[in-house]
């Protein structure tokens, strides 16, 4: 039985480089005998996290849907851009909301395996965002985050017209990260 992997990017803007990375990750993971679900956070709009709002109205339905979707997959690949040396607000807000219903029926993040990647127009490829993303995923979801990660520097020039990475080195790193995600998900949930 193939493992199920969820893939999404942390940006929804038109031409998002992290969305391009997420698309490539979904293709790489699909080559490894998996069942891939590739989503856009645009399909799950959420208000800004506010504890008072949660107390008054509960967890928004889109957060609950995402939590159930994440819990239904053995592994998750998240591609993030880097904003001001950290995570973009859309991704952080999504994680904040999705982590709230962790005690709801059918929602368990225990042992969920994550792999991460980043894109940046700068020279270090969003490495600072990856540090923060790793920390947030490990604490918000009690997740296993694989050690390998992919960061695409000068991302504005890294993809060709077909959405493929131009250089062999980051493409190989992405294959390694995808393989590690699938392998660990199989071992922990197989």
Foldseek 3Di string as FASTA:
>chain_A
DAFEEEFEEQDDDPPDLLRLVSVLLQVLLVVVRHHYDYDYCVVQDDDQDDPVCCVVPNQDPSLVVVQLVQLRGQEYEYEAEADPLEGDSSNVRSLVRNLVVCVPPNGALVAREYEYEYAYLADVQSVSHVVRVVVSCCPSRVYHYDPQHAGHYSSVPQADPVSDGPDPVRSVSSSVRSVVRRVSSVVSPD
